[in-house]
Amino acid sequence: AEPRKNKMKNQEQGVSSDSVIRLPISPEHVRVLVDPIDPKTKTRAYACVPVETVLASGLGDWLEANVRHQKMGSAIAREIVKTLDERPENMHPLNRGLTILASGFRYDSQDKTLSVLLRDPKRHGIVDGGHTFRAIEQVVTRRKDAGEESPNAYVNVEVLSGYDDLASDIIAARNQVCAVRDSAIYSLDGVFDELRAHLKRANLERLV
């Protein structure tokens, strides 16, 4: 952990070209875990962050490693924007959030700040969740320009440190999307229960 602290200290003093993203987060909204396989070099942080904080952090400059182009006219993007506008309190349970690959991070419980060290634009930054970030950018900026308050919404943020050797694999894996058919959701909600019962009765009557 000490070398990581020194790197971030050098950045603060202007010695290094590394970038440090600072996210103010309450201790109850962040958890830090060591990797169960490689606890000495790999760590992860999970946090729930206000969307306005995410936008103001400078993470928007670290989207190069996000291989999926953000098409904000897509159905997914429109749904994210709709949630932020109409149901902001549901943003964090409904949205997968942002995945960030980093060179290092440190959570200061006294300052209540998660500092994330980013170095390589092709490996570090937002590797998954580009549409989510752009939706936040769109909604917060539009409301600010209109003199309105930002939505009272939070977004899930996962930070992975020490995984540079797996960066390309992580980026590829996190950007594989398999859409869920509407019928599968309807089935979970019990929409087809009455139809199934009707068909079952019809089959029994036919047998009689």
Protein backbone atom coordinates (compact mmCIF):
# COMPACT_ATOMS: atom_id res chain seq x y z
CA ALA A 1 0.00 0.00 0.00
CA GLU A 2 2.91 2.37 0.69
CA PRO A 3 4.12 2.68 -2.94
CA ARG A 4 0.57 3.49 -3.97
CA LYS A 5 0.42 6.30 -1.43
CA ASN A 6 3.71 7.70 -2.66
CA LYS A 7 2.52 7.73 -6.26
CA MET A 8 -0.56 9.70 -5.34
CA LYS A 9 1.51 12.05 -3.18
CA ASN A 10 3.82 12.71 -6.14
CA GLN A 11 0.80 13.51 -8.28
CA GLU A 12 -0.40 16.05 -5.73
CA GLN A 13 3.06 17.68 -5.83
CA GLY A 14 3.08 17.76 -9.63
CA VAL A 15 5.96 15.24 -9.91
CA SER A 16 4.04 12.58 -11.83
CA SER A 17 1.80 12.69 -14.88
CA ASP A 18 -0.61 10.22 -13.28
CA SER A 19 -4.18 11.35 -12.69
CA VAL A 20 -5.96 11.02 -9.36
CA ILE A 21 -9.74 10.96 -9.34
CA ARG A 22 -11.24 11.88 -5.97
CA LEU A 23 -14.70 10.71 -5.01
CA PRO A 24 -16.14 11.98 -1.70
CA ILE A 25 -18.00 9.01 -0.21
CA SER A 26 -19.40 8.28 3.24
CA PRO A 27 -17.78 5.26 4.95
CA GLU A 28 -21.10 3.40 5.00
CA HIS A 29 -21.27 3.63 1.21
CA VAL A 30 -17.89 2.06 0.37
CA ARG A 31 -16.27 -1.34 0.91
CA VAL A 32 -12.72 -2.45 0.13
CA LEU A 33 -11.91 -6.11 -0.55
CA VAL A 34 -8.63 -7.90 -1.18
CA ASP A 35 -8.55 -10.46 -3.96
CA PRO A 36 -9.02 -13.98 -2.53
CA ILE A 37 -6.49 -15.44 -4.98
CA ASP A 38 -3.88 -12.67 -5.01
CA PRO A 39 -4.43 -10.55 -1.87
CA LYS A 40 -1.00 -8.89 -1.95
CA THR A 41 -1.34 -7.09 -5.28
CA LYS A 42 -5.02 -7.09 -6.25
CA THR A 43 -7.79 -5.16 -4.48
CA ARG A 44 -11.30 -3.99 -5.26
CA ALA A 45 -13.49 -1.19 -3.98
CA TYR A 46 -17.26 -1.08 -4.20
CA ALA A 47 -19.02 2.23 -3.67
CA CYS A 48 -22.37 3.92 -4.14
CA VAL A 49 -21.73 7.48 -5.33
CA PRO A 50 -24.02 10.46 -6.04
CA VAL A 51 -24.29 10.97 -9.81
CA GLU A 52 -23.31 14.63 -9.50
CA THR A 53 -20.10 13.60 -7.71
CA VAL A 54 -19.25 11.14 -10.48
CA LEU A 55 -19.72 13.78 -13.18
CA ALA A 56 -17.61 16.37 -11.35
CA SER A 57 -14.76 13.93 -10.64
CA GLY A 58 -13.10 14.04 -14.06
CA LEU A 59 -13.90 10.43 -14.93
CA GLY A 60 -15.29 11.66 -18.24
CA ASP A 61 -11.70 12.10 -19.43
CA TRP A 62 -11.08 8.38 -18.91
CA LEU A 63 -13.38 6.65 -21.39
CA GLU A 64 -10.83 5.55 -24.00
CA ALA A 65 -10.65 2.02 -22.59
CA ASN A 66 -14.43 1.67 -22.97
CA VAL A 67 -14.59 -0.23 -26.24
CA ARG A 68 -18.35 0.07 -26.68
CA HIS A 69 -19.35 3.30 -28.43
CA GLN A 70 -21.95 5.20 -26.43
CA LYS A 71 -25.00 5.45 -28.68
CA MET A 72 -27.30 7.61 -26.63
CA GLY A 73 -30.21 7.03 -29.00
CA SER A 74 -30.25 3.31 -28.16
CA ALA A 75 -33.03 1.76 -26.10
CA ILE A 76 -30.64 1.03 -23.22
CA ALA A 77 -29.40 4.62 -23.06
CA ARG A 78 -32.93 6.02 -23.21
CA GLU A 79 -34.01 3.79 -20.33
CA ILE A 80 -31.09 4.98 -18.18
CA VAL A 81 -31.95 8.61 -18.92
CA LYS A 82 -35.61 7.91 -18.15
CA THR A 83 -34.73 6.35 -14.79
CA LEU A 84 -32.56 9.34 -13.85
CA ASP A 85 -35.32 11.77 -14.83
CA GLU A 86 -38.39 9.97 -13.54
CA ARG A 87 -37.22 7.51 -10.87
CA PRO A 88 -33.78 8.71 -9.67
CA GLU A 89 -34.14 6.87 -6.35
CA ASN A 90 -34.12 3.58 -8.30
CA MET A 91 -30.92 4.28 -10.24
CA HIS A 92 -28.50 2.28 -8.07
CA PRO A 93 -30.62 -0.88 -7.68
CA LEU A 94 -31.59 -0.98 -11.38
CA ASN A 95 -28.30 0.00 -13.01
CA ARG A 96 -25.13 -2.11 -13.10
CA GLY A 97 -23.05 1.06 -12.70
CA LEU A 98 -19.45 1.85 -13.61
CA THR A 99 -16.46 -0.48 -13.67
CA ILE A 100 -13.10 1.28 -13.33
CA LEU A 101 -9.70 -0.29 -13.86
CA ALA A 102 -7.03 1.60 -11.92
CA SER A 103 -3.34 1.59 -11.12
CA GLY A 104 -4.23 1.99 -7.45
CA PHE A 105 -6.74 3.44 -5.00
CA ARG A 106 -6.97 4.45 -1.37
CA TYR A 107 -9.94 5.22 0.83
CA ASP A 108 -9.34 7.80 3.56
CA SER A 109 -11.99 7.30 6.22
CA GLN A 110 -11.12 10.61 7.88
CA ASP A 111 -11.42 12.69 4.71
CA LYS A 112 -14.19 10.37 3.53
CA THR A 113 -12.64 10.31 0.07
CA LEU A 114 -11.85 7.48 -2.36
CA SER A 115 -8.75 8.46 -4.37
CA VAL A 116 -8.30 6.49 -7.60
CA LEU A 117 -4.95 6.52 -9.44
CA LEU A 118 -5.22 6.28 -13.25
CA ARG A 119 -2.16 6.02 -15.49
CA ASP A 120 -2.73 4.29 -18.85
CA PRO A 121 -5.72 5.60 -20.89
CA LYS A 122 -5.84 2.35 -22.89
CA ARG A 123 -6.20 0.23 -19.76
CA HIS A 124 -7.45 2.48 -17.00
CA GLY A 125 -10.65 4.41 -16.48
CA ILE A 126 -14.27 3.47 -17.15
CA VAL A 127 -14.08 0.12 -18.95
CA ASP A 128 -17.77 -0.67 -18.55
CA GLY A 129 -20.71 1.66 -17.97
CA GLY A 130 -20.03 4.25 -20.66
CA HIS A 131 -23.73 4.61 -21.45
CA THR A 132 -24.45 5.11 -17.76
CA PHE A 133 -21.82 7.84 -17.50
CA ARG A 134 -23.08 9.62 -20.63
CA ALA A 135 -26.66 9.44 -19.36
CA ILE A 136 -25.55 11.01 -16.07
CA GLU A 137 -23.68 13.68 -18.01
CA GLN A 138 -26.71 14.39 -20.18
CA VAL A 139 -29.27 14.63 -17.39
CA VAL A 140 -27.16 16.53 -14.85
CA THR A 141 -25.92 19.03 -17.46
CA ARG A 142 -29.41 19.61 -18.87
CA ARG A 143 -30.84 20.24 -15.44
CA LYS A 144 -27.98 22.54 -14.49
CA ASP A 145 -28.43 24.57 -17.68
CA ALA A 146 -32.13 24.86 -16.88
CA GLY A 147 -31.40 26.06 -13.35
CA GLU A 148 -32.75 22.86 -11.83
CA GLU A 149 -31.29 20.60 -9.15
CA SER A 150 -29.43 17.44 -10.11
CA PRO A 151 -31.39 14.20 -9.64
CA ASN A 152 -31.07 12.70 -6.17
CA ALA A 153 -29.56 9.54 -7.62
CA TYR A 154 -26.64 7.26 -6.82
CA VAL A 155 -24.61 5.03 -9.11
CA ASN A 156 -22.69 1.86 -8.28
CA VAL A 157 -18.93 2.13 -8.82
CA GLU A 158 -16.51 -0.83 -8.82
CA VAL A 159 -12.77 -0.07 -8.83
CA LEU A 160 -10.26 -2.81 -9.61
CA SER A 161 -6.58 -2.24 -8.80
CA GLY A 162 -3.66 -4.49 -9.75
CA TYR A 163 -5.42 -6.23 -12.63
CA ASP A 164 -3.38 -4.74 -15.49
CA ASP A 165 -2.30 -8.23 -16.56
CA LEU A 166 -5.97 -9.06 -17.14
CA ALA A 167 -7.05 -5.67 -18.46
CA SER A 168 -7.96 -6.78 -22.01
CA ASP A 169 -9.79 -9.86 -20.70
CA ILE A 170 -11.74 -7.81 -18.16
CA ILE A 171 -12.66 -5.19 -20.76
CA ALA A 172 -13.86 -7.90 -23.17
CA ALA A 173 -15.79 -9.81 -20.50
CA ARG A 174 -17.50 -6.78 -18.99
CA ASN A 175 -18.66 -5.58 -22.41
CA GLN A 176 -20.50 -8.73 -23.43
CA VAL A 177 -24.20 -8.04 -23.32
CA CYS A 178 -26.95 -10.61 -23.68
CA ALA A 179 -30.37 -8.99 -23.79
CA VAL A 180 -33.13 -10.60 -21.73
CA ARG A 181 -36.28 -11.32 -23.69
CA ASP A 182 -39.43 -9.54 -22.54
CA SER A 183 -41.17 -12.92 -22.25
CA ALA A 184 -38.67 -14.00 -19.59
CA ILE A 185 -39.49 -10.93 -17.49
CA TYR A 186 -43.23 -11.43 -18.00
CA SER A 187 -42.84 -15.02 -16.82
CA LEU A 188 -41.12 -13.89 -13.63
CA ASP A 189 -43.95 -11.44 -12.99
CA GLY A 190 -46.55 -14.20 -13.39
CA VAL A 191 -48.13 -12.68 -16.50
CA PHE A 192 -48.49 -16.11 -18.12
CA ASP A 193 -49.87 -17.93 -15.07
CA GLU A 194 -53.50 -17.51 -16.07
CA LEU A 195 -52.77 -18.56 -19.65
CA ARG A 196 -50.94 -21.67 -18.46
CA ALA A 197 -53.86 -22.59 -16.19
CA HIS A 198 -56.30 -22.12 -19.08
CA LEU A 199 -54.23 -24.32 -21.41
CA LYS A 200 -53.90 -26.96 -18.73
CA ARG A 201 -57.67 -27.07 -18.22
CA ALA A 202 -58.21 -27.24 -21.99
CA ASN A 203 -55.83 -30.19 -22.31
CA LEU A 204 -57.54 -32.04 -19.45
CA GLU A 205 -60.99 -31.49 -21.01
CA ARG A 206 -59.68 -32.77 -24.36
CA LEU A 207 -58.43 -35.96 -22.70
CA VAL A 208 -61.83 -36.56 -21.08
